[in-house]
Amino acid sequence: MKLLERWLALVQQEQTVHQNGDDINDEAIENLFRFSPDDAHLSELSLAGLQDFMAQVCQHYAAVLSRSTDAAPMMLYGWHDAQVRQLRFSLVSSSHGRLPFSCRYRMTNEVEPLLEQILLGDWHNPAWPQPVPGVPIADELLVYCCDLEKAGR
């Protein structure tokens, strides 16, 4: 089984979503997934493969929420934690109206810029932890957001 297939299988084992409309940090921590390839599997990773992985993650959680009779609208969000070289994602209730970050962040509904940042700037960067020459270092966290109500339609 290939790396992204193993990652997706881990995600698909989750058949519930933790919801706590009163505590965004509780939701974020309880719904957190984190993935980082080892060096032996770096060559397996491509932009198209990661895009498909993230699309299937969104579809999975949209389906999980659609089966729940009392699920509130949720937002799946993903980001690159460069300090630990991980793709991370979690879910929080849309009612919070924000994400649980204390740093500056920029939300996007397009996953490609985030995945390019992870692949080119980290996982496929032979000079890592040095930045890619000519690519400016961002002063805010790039966060991919997937509205699970829309993803489920």
N, C-alpha and C. Protein backbone atom coordinates (compact mmCIF):
# COMPACT_ATOMS: atom_id res chain seq x y z
N MET A 1 0.85 -1.18 0.00
CA MET A 1 0.00 0.00 0.00
C MET A 1 0.89 1.24 0.00
N LYS A 2 0.58 2.20 -0.85
CA LYS A 2 1.37 3.42 -0.95
C LYS A 2 1.08 4.36 0.22
N LEU A 3 1.98 5.31 0.39
CA LEU A 3 1.91 6.21 1.53
C LEU A 3 0.57 6.95 1.62
N LEU A 4 0.13 7.59 0.55
CA LEU A 4 -1.13 8.34 0.60
C LEU A 4 -2.33 7.43 0.84
N GLU A 5 -2.25 6.21 0.35
CA GLU A 5 -3.33 5.25 0.63
C GLU A 5 -3.36 4.91 2.12
N ARG A 6 -2.20 4.77 2.73
CA ARG A 6 -2.14 4.50 4.18
C ARG A 6 -2.66 5.69 4.98
N TRP A 7 -2.28 6.89 4.56
CA TRP A 7 -2.76 8.08 5.25
C TRP A 7 -4.28 8.16 5.16
N LEU A 8 -4.81 7.93 3.96
CA LEU A 8 -6.26 8.02 3.77
C LEU A 8 -6.98 6.95 4.60
N ALA A 9 -6.41 5.76 4.67
CA ALA A 9 -7.02 4.70 5.47
C ALA A 9 -7.09 5.10 6.95
N LEU A 10 -6.08 5.80 7.45
CA LEU A 10 -6.11 6.29 8.82
C LEU A 10 -7.25 7.28 9.03
N VAL A 11 -7.39 8.20 8.08
CA VAL A 11 -8.46 9.19 8.16
C VAL A 11 -9.83 8.51 8.12
N GLN A 12 -9.97 7.55 7.23
CA GLN A 12 -11.28 6.90 7.04
C GLN A 12 -11.67 6.01 8.21
N GLN A 13 -10.74 5.71 9.10
CA GLN A 13 -11.10 4.98 10.31
C GLN A 13 -11.95 5.85 11.24
N GLU A 14 -11.79 7.16 11.14
CA GLU A 14 -12.57 8.09 11.96
C GLU A 14 -14.00 8.15 11.42
N GLN A 15 -14.93 7.75 12.21
CA GLN A 15 -16.33 7.77 11.78
C GLN A 15 -17.17 8.73 12.60
N THR A 16 -16.51 9.54 13.42
CA THR A 16 -17.18 10.58 14.18
C THR A 16 -16.35 11.85 14.11
N VAL A 17 -17.00 12.96 14.42
CA VAL A 17 -16.32 14.24 14.49
C VAL A 17 -16.64 14.82 15.87
N HIS A 18 -15.62 15.26 16.56
CA HIS A 18 -15.82 15.87 17.88
C HIS A 18 -16.33 17.29 17.69
N GLN A 19 -17.43 17.62 18.33
CA GLN A 19 -18.00 18.96 18.23
C GLN A 19 -18.15 19.57 19.62
N ASN A 20 -17.72 20.82 19.74
CA ASN A 20 -17.87 21.58 20.97
C ASN A 20 -17.96 23.04 20.57
N GLY A 21 -19.17 23.50 20.33
CA GLY A 21 -19.37 24.87 19.88
C GLY A 21 -18.95 25.92 20.88
N ASP A 22 -18.66 25.51 22.11
CA ASP A 22 -18.23 26.45 23.15
C ASP A 22 -16.71 26.56 23.26
N ASP A 23 -15.98 25.61 22.68
CA ASP A 23 -14.53 25.59 22.87
C ASP A 23 -13.83 25.19 21.57
N ILE A 24 -13.37 26.18 20.83
CA ILE A 24 -12.73 25.93 19.53
C ILE A 24 -11.44 25.13 19.68
N ASN A 25 -10.69 25.37 20.75
CA ASN A 25 -9.43 24.64 20.94
C ASN A 25 -9.67 23.18 21.23
N ASP A 26 -10.70 22.88 22.01
CA ASP A 26 -11.06 21.48 22.28
C ASP A 26 -11.39 20.77 20.97
N GLU A 27 -12.20 21.39 20.13
CA GLU A 27 -12.54 20.79 18.83
C GLU A 27 -11.29 20.58 17.99
N ALA A 28 -10.48 21.60 17.90
CA ALA A 28 -9.29 21.54 17.04
C ALA A 28 -8.34 20.42 17.47
N ILE A 29 -8.13 20.29 18.77
CA ILE A 29 -7.22 19.26 19.28
C ILE A 29 -7.79 17.86 19.07
N GLU A 30 -9.06 17.68 19.36
CA GLU A 30 -9.68 16.35 19.26
C GLU A 30 -9.83 15.87 17.81
N ASN A 31 -9.90 16.79 16.85
CA ASN A 31 -10.08 16.42 15.44
C ASN A 31 -8.79 16.49 14.63
N LEU A 32 -7.67 16.67 15.28
CA LEU A 32 -6.39 16.89 14.61
C LEU A 32 -5.81 15.62 13.98
N PHE A 33 -5.34 15.76 12.75
CA PHE A 33 -4.53 14.74 12.07
C PHE A 33 -3.24 15.41 11.63
N ARG A 34 -2.16 14.65 11.63
CA ARG A 34 -0.88 15.17 11.18
C ARG A 34 -0.13 14.08 10.42
N PHE A 35 0.46 14.51 9.30
CA PHE A 35 1.15 13.56 8.43
C PHE A 35 2.48 14.13 7.99
N SER A 36 3.48 13.28 7.99
CA SER A 36 4.80 13.65 7.51
C SER A 36 5.45 12.40 6.92
N PRO A 37 5.94 12.48 5.70
CA PRO A 37 6.58 11.30 5.11
C PRO A 37 7.99 11.09 5.64
N ASP A 38 8.39 9.85 5.68
CA ASP A 38 9.80 9.59 5.96
C ASP A 38 10.55 9.72 4.64
N ASP A 39 11.86 9.81 4.73
CA ASP A 39 12.68 10.04 3.53
C ASP A 39 12.48 8.98 2.46
N ALA A 40 12.20 7.75 2.85
CA ALA A 40 12.04 6.66 1.89
C ALA A 40 10.80 6.83 1.02
N HIS A 41 9.83 7.63 1.47
CA HIS A 41 8.58 7.78 0.72
C HIS A 41 8.40 9.15 0.06
N LEU A 42 9.39 10.01 0.18
CA LEU A 42 9.26 11.35 -0.39
C LEU A 42 9.00 11.33 -1.89
N SER A 43 9.64 10.41 -2.59
CA SER A 43 9.49 10.37 -4.05
C SER A 43 8.09 9.95 -4.49
N GLU A 44 7.32 9.35 -3.61
CA GLU A 44 5.94 8.95 -3.93
C GLU A 44 5.00 10.15 -4.01
N LEU A 45 5.38 11.24 -3.40
CA LEU A 45 4.46 12.37 -3.24
C LEU A 45 4.50 13.32 -4.42
N SER A 46 3.32 13.63 -4.92
CA SER A 46 3.18 14.57 -6.02
C SER A 46 2.06 15.54 -5.69
N LEU A 47 2.04 16.64 -6.40
CA LEU A 47 0.97 17.62 -6.20
C LEU A 47 -0.38 16.99 -6.50
N ALA A 48 -0.49 16.28 -7.61
CA ALA A 48 -1.77 15.65 -7.97
C ALA A 48 -2.20 14.62 -6.93
N GLY A 49 -1.26 13.83 -6.44
CA GLY A 49 -1.60 12.83 -5.43
C GLY A 49 -2.08 13.46 -4.14
N LEU A 50 -1.41 14.53 -3.70
CA LEU A 50 -1.82 15.21 -2.48
C LEU A 50 -3.16 15.93 -2.66
N GLN A 51 -3.39 16.49 -3.85
CA GLN A 51 -4.69 17.13 -4.11
C GLN A 51 -5.81 16.10 -4.02
N ASP A 52 -5.60 14.93 -4.58
CA ASP A 52 -6.60 13.87 -4.52
C ASP A 52 -6.81 13.42 -3.07
N PHE A 53 -5.72 13.29 -2.32
CA PHE A 53 -5.81 12.92 -0.91
C PHE A 53 -6.68 13.91 -0.14
N MET A 54 -6.40 15.20 -0.30
CA MET A 54 -7.16 16.21 0.44
C MET A 54 -8.62 16.25 0.00
N ALA A 55 -8.88 16.05 -1.29
CA ALA A 55 -10.27 16.00 -1.76
C ALA A 55 -11.01 14.83 -1.12
N GLN A 56 -10.34 13.69 -1.02
CA GLN A 56 -10.97 12.52 -0.40
C GLN A 56 -11.17 12.72 1.11
N VAL A 57 -10.25 13.42 1.75
CA VAL A 57 -10.42 13.74 3.17
C VAL A 57 -11.66 14.61 3.36
N CYS A 58 -11.81 15.64 2.55
CA CYS A 58 -12.99 16.52 2.65
C CYS A 58 -14.27 15.72 2.38
N GLN A 59 -14.26 14.88 1.36
CA GLN A 59 -15.44 14.07 1.05
C GLN A 59 -15.76 13.12 2.19
N HIS A 60 -14.74 12.53 2.80
CA HIS A 60 -14.96 11.61 3.92
C HIS A 60 -15.66 12.32 5.07
N TYR A 61 -15.12 13.46 5.48
CA TYR A 61 -15.71 14.15 6.62
C TYR A 61 -17.08 14.72 6.29
N ALA A 62 -17.31 15.14 5.06
CA ALA A 62 -18.64 15.59 4.65
C ALA A 62 -19.64 14.44 4.79
N ALA A 63 -19.23 13.23 4.40
CA ALA A 63 -20.10 12.06 4.52
C ALA A 63 -20.34 11.70 5.98
N VAL A 64 -19.30 11.77 6.80
CA VAL A 64 -19.46 11.49 8.24
C VAL A 64 -20.47 12.45 8.85
N LEU A 65 -20.34 13.73 8.54
CA LEU A 65 -21.26 14.71 9.10
C LEU A 65 -22.67 14.55 8.56
N SER A 66 -22.80 14.15 7.30
CA SER A 66 -24.14 13.99 6.71
C SER A 66 -24.91 12.84 7.35
N ARG A 67 -24.19 11.86 7.91
CA ARG A 67 -24.84 10.73 8.57
C ARG A 67 -25.28 11.05 9.99
N SER A 68 -24.82 12.17 10.52
CA SER A 68 -25.15 12.55 11.89
C SER A 68 -26.42 13.40 11.89
N THR A 69 -27.32 13.08 12.79
CA THR A 69 -28.60 13.81 12.83
C THR A 69 -28.47 15.15 13.56
N ASP A 70 -27.43 15.31 14.36
CA ASP A 70 -27.30 16.55 15.13
C ASP A 70 -25.99 17.31 14.87
N ALA A 71 -25.35 17.04 13.75
CA ALA A 71 -24.07 17.68 13.45
C ALA A 71 -24.28 19.13 13.04
N ALA A 72 -23.49 20.00 13.64
CA ALA A 72 -23.48 21.41 13.25
C ALA A 72 -22.55 21.56 12.04
N PRO A 73 -22.70 22.63 11.27
CA PRO A 73 -21.78 22.87 10.14
C PRO A 73 -20.33 22.96 10.63
N MET A 74 -19.44 22.31 9.89
CA MET A 74 -18.03 22.25 10.27
C MET A 74 -17.14 22.74 9.13
N MET A 75 -15.97 23.21 9.51
CA MET A 75 -14.95 23.64 8.56
C MET A 75 -13.73 22.75 8.76
N LEU A 76 -13.26 22.12 7.68
CA LEU A 76 -11.99 21.40 7.71
C LEU A 76 -10.93 22.39 7.25
N TYR A 77 -9.83 22.45 7.95
CA TYR A 77 -8.76 23.36 7.57
C TYR A 77 -7.43 22.63 7.65
N GLY A 78 -6.51 23.00 6.77
CA GLY A 78 -5.21 22.36 6.72
C GLY A 78 -4.10 23.38 6.61
N TRP A 79 -2.93 23.04 7.15
CA TRP A 79 -1.80 23.94 7.10
C TRP A 79 -0.50 23.14 7.17
N HIS A 80 0.58 23.83 6.87
CA HIS A 80 1.91 23.23 6.92
C HIS A 80 2.57 23.67 8.22
N ASP A 81 2.87 22.72 9.07
CA ASP A 81 3.63 23.01 10.28
C ASP A 81 5.09 22.75 9.94
N ALA A 82 5.77 23.81 9.54
CA ALA A 82 7.14 23.68 9.04
C ALA A 82 8.12 23.25 10.12
N GLN A 83 7.84 23.57 11.37
CA GLN A 83 8.78 23.21 12.43
C GLN A 83 8.91 21.69 12.58
N VAL A 84 7.85 20.97 12.29
CA VAL A 84 7.89 19.51 12.41
C VAL A 84 7.68 18.82 11.06
N ARG A 85 7.67 19.62 9.97
CA ARG A 85 7.58 19.11 8.60
C ARG A 85 6.31 18.30 8.37
N GLN A 86 5.18 18.80 8.87
CA GLN A 86 3.93 18.06 8.78
C GLN A 86 2.85 18.82 8.03
N LEU A 87 2.04 18.05 7.31
CA LEU A 87 0.75 18.51 6.82
C LEU A 87 -0.21 18.21 7.96
N ARG A 88 -0.90 19.22 8.43
CA ARG A 88 -1.85 19.03 9.52
C ARG A 88 -3.22 19.49 9.05
N PHE A 89 -4.24 18.82 9.55
CA PHE A 89 -5.59 19.32 9.34
C PHE A 89 -6.45 18.95 10.53
N SER A 90 -7.51 19.74 10.69
CA SER A 90 -8.45 19.53 11.77
C SER A 90 -9.80 20.07 11.34
N LEU A 91 -10.77 19.97 12.24
CA LEU A 91 -12.11 20.47 11.99
C LEU A 91 -12.57 21.28 13.19
N VAL A 92 -13.29 22.38 12.89
CA VAL A 92 -13.93 23.17 13.93
C VAL A 92 -15.32 23.57 13.45
N SER A 93 -16.19 23.85 14.38
CA SER A 93 -17.54 24.29 14.05
C SER A 93 -17.49 25.63 13.33
N SER A 94 -18.27 25.75 12.29
CA SER A 94 -18.33 27.00 11.53
C SER A 94 -18.84 28.15 12.38
N SER A 95 -19.61 27.83 13.41
CA SER A 95 -20.19 28.87 14.26
C SER A 95 -19.14 29.71 14.98
N HIS A 96 -17.92 29.20 15.11
CA HIS A 96 -16.87 29.98 15.75
C HIS A 96 -16.51 31.21 14.92
N GLY A 97 -16.66 31.09 13.60
CA GLY A 97 -16.35 32.22 12.72
C GLY A 97 -14.88 32.54 12.59
N ARG A 98 -14.04 31.65 13.04
CA ARG A 98 -12.58 31.86 12.97
C ARG A 98 -11.89 30.51 13.11
N LEU A 99 -10.57 30.53 12.95
CA LEU A 99 -9.75 29.34 13.17
C LEU A 99 -8.98 29.51 14.47
N PRO A 100 -8.49 28.43 15.06
CA PRO A 100 -7.86 28.50 16.38
C PRO A 100 -6.37 28.84 16.37
N PHE A 101 -5.99 29.79 15.55
CA PHE A 101 -4.59 30.20 15.49
C PHE A 101 -4.41 31.55 16.18
N SER A 102 -3.30 31.71 16.87
CA SER A 102 -3.01 33.01 17.48
C SER A 102 -2.07 33.83 16.60
N CYS A 103 -1.55 33.22 15.55
CA CYS A 103 -0.69 33.94 14.62
C CYS A 103 -1.53 34.50 13.47
N ARG A 104 -0.89 35.32 12.65
CA ARG A 104 -1.57 35.82 11.45
C ARG A 104 -1.70 34.67 10.47
N TYR A 105 -2.85 34.56 9.83
CA TYR A 105 -3.05 33.52 8.83
C TYR A 105 -3.89 34.06 7.69
N ARG A 106 -3.74 33.38 6.55
CA ARG A 106 -4.51 33.72 5.36
C ARG A 106 -5.25 32.48 4.91
N MET A 107 -6.57 32.58 4.85
CA MET A 107 -7.40 31.45 4.45
C MET A 107 -7.55 31.42 2.93
N THR A 108 -7.58 30.20 2.38
CA THR A 108 -7.84 30.01 0.96
C THR A 108 -8.70 28.77 0.79
N ASN A 109 -9.58 28.80 -0.20
CA ASN A 109 -10.37 27.60 -0.48
C ASN A 109 -9.74 26.77 -1.60
N GLU A 110 -8.53 27.14 -1.99
CA GLU A 110 -7.78 26.38 -2.98
C GLU A 110 -6.64 25.64 -2.28
N VAL A 111 -6.61 24.33 -2.44
CA VAL A 111 -5.62 23.52 -1.73
C VAL A 111 -4.25 23.56 -2.41
N GLU A 112 -4.21 23.83 -3.69
CA GLU A 112 -2.95 23.76 -4.45
C GLU A 112 -1.84 24.64 -3.88
N PRO A 113 -2.10 25.92 -3.54
CA PRO A 113 -0.99 26.73 -3.01
C PRO A 113 -0.38 26.16 -1.73
N LEU A 114 -1.21 25.62 -0.86
CA LEU A 114 -0.70 25.02 0.37
C LEU A 114 0.15 23.80 0.06
N LEU A 115 -0.34 22.93 -0.82
CA LEU A 115 0.40 21.70 -1.13
C LEU A 115 1.69 22.00 -1.88
N GLU A 116 1.68 23.01 -2.73
CA GLU A 116 2.93 23.43 -3.40
C GLU A 116 3.94 23.92 -2.37
N GLN A 117 3.46 24.67 -1.39
CA GLN A 117 4.33 25.17 -0.34
C GLN A 117 4.98 24.01 0.42
N ILE A 118 4.20 23.00 0.73
CA ILE A 118 4.72 21.85 1.47
C ILE A 118 5.70 21.04 0.61
N LEU A 119 5.29 20.73 -0.61
CA LEU A 119 6.14 19.91 -1.48
C LEU A 119 7.42 20.62 -1.87
N LEU A 120 7.29 21.82 -2.43
CA LEU A 120 8.46 22.51 -2.97
C LEU A 120 9.33 23.12 -1.88
N GLY A 121 8.70 23.64 -0.84
CA GLY A 121 9.45 24.31 0.20
C GLY A 121 10.01 23.40 1.27
N ASP A 122 9.47 22.18 1.35
CA ASP A 122 9.88 21.29 2.43
C ASP A 122 10.18 19.89 1.90
N TRP A 123 9.16 19.11 1.63
CA TRP A 123 9.35 17.69 1.35
C TRP A 123 10.20 17.40 0.12
N HIS A 124 10.16 18.26 -0.90
CA HIS A 124 10.99 18.06 -2.09
C HIS A 124 12.11 19.09 -2.19
N ASN A 125 12.37 19.79 -1.13
CA ASN A 125 13.43 20.80 -1.10
C ASN A 125 14.71 20.14 -0.61
N PRO A 126 15.69 19.91 -1.51
CA PRO A 126 16.91 19.21 -1.10
C PRO A 126 17.76 20.01 -0.12
N ALA A 127 17.51 21.31 -0.02
CA ALA A 127 18.29 22.15 0.90
C ALA A 127 17.57 22.37 2.23
N TRP A 128 16.43 21.70 2.42
CA TRP A 128 15.68 21.92 3.66
C TRP A 128 16.59 21.71 4.85
N PRO A 129 16.60 22.54 5.85
CA PRO A 129 15.62 23.54 6.26
C PRO A 129 15.84 24.92 5.68
N GLN A 130 16.75 25.06 4.76
CA GLN A 130 16.92 26.35 4.10
C GLN A 130 15.77 26.58 3.13
N PRO A 131 15.31 27.83 3.00
CA PRO A 131 14.22 28.10 2.06
C PRO A 131 14.68 27.94 0.62
N VAL A 132 13.72 27.79 -0.26
CA VAL A 132 14.01 27.69 -1.68
C VAL A 132 14.49 29.07 -2.16
N PRO A 133 15.65 29.12 -2.82
CA PRO A 133 16.16 30.41 -3.30
C PRO A 133 15.15 31.12 -4.20
N GLY A 134 14.97 32.41 -3.94
CA GLY A 134 14.07 33.21 -4.77
C GLY A 134 12.62 33.18 -4.33
N VAL A 135 12.29 32.34 -3.38
CA VAL A 135 10.91 32.29 -2.88
C VAL A 135 10.86 33.00 -1.54
N PRO A 136 10.09 34.10 -1.45
CA PRO A 136 10.06 34.84 -0.19
C PRO A 136 9.41 34.03 0.93
N ILE A 137 9.86 34.28 2.13
CA ILE A 137 9.29 33.62 3.30
C ILE A 137 8.02 34.38 3.69
N ALA A 138 6.94 33.66 3.84
CA ALA A 138 5.65 34.29 4.15
C ALA A 138 5.64 34.80 5.58
N ASP A 139 4.93 35.90 5.79
CA ASP A 139 4.81 36.44 7.14
C ASP A 139 3.48 36.07 7.78
N GLU A 140 2.76 35.16 7.14
CA GLU A 140 1.50 34.66 7.69
C GLU A 140 1.33 33.20 7.29
N LEU A 141 0.58 32.48 8.07
CA LEU A 141 0.34 31.06 7.84
C LEU A 141 -0.72 30.89 6.75
N LEU A 142 -0.43 30.09 5.75
CA LEU A 142 -1.39 29.79 4.69
C LEU A 142 -2.26 28.62 5.15
N VAL A 143 -3.57 28.79 5.15
CA VAL A 143 -4.48 27.78 5.66
C VAL A 143 -5.54 27.47 4.61
N TYR A 144 -5.59 26.21 4.21
CA TYR A 144 -6.63 25.74 3.29
C TYR A 144 -7.89 25.45 4.09
N CYS A 145 -9.03 25.93 3.60
CA CYS A 145 -10.31 25.71 4.29
C CYS A 145 -11.30 25.05 3.35
N CYS A 146 -11.95 24.02 3.85
CA CYS A 146 -12.96 23.28 3.09
C CYS A 146 -14.26 23.32 3.87
N ASP A 147 -15.26 23.99 3.31
CA ASP A 147 -16.60 24.03 3.92
C ASP A 147 -17.24 22.67 3.69
N LEU A 148 -17.42 21.91 4.73
CA LEU A 148 -17.88 20.50 4.59
C LEU A 148 -19.32 20.40 4.16
N GLU A 149 -20.12 21.43 4.39
CA GLU A 149 -21.50 21.39 3.87
C GLU A 149 -21.48 21.43 2.35
N LYS A 150 -20.64 22.31 1.80
CA LYS A 150 -20.54 22.40 0.34
C LYS A 150 -19.86 21.19 -0.25
N ALA A 151 -18.87 20.63 0.45
CA ALA A 151 -18.14 19.47 -0.04
C ALA A 151 -19.03 18.24 -0.13
N GLY A 152 -20.06 18.18 0.71
CA GLY A 152 -20.94 17.03 0.74
C GLY A 152 -22.02 17.03 -0.33
N ARG A 153 -22.14 18.12 -1.04
CA ARG A 153 -23.18 18.21 -2.07
C ARG A 153 -22.73 17.67 -3.40
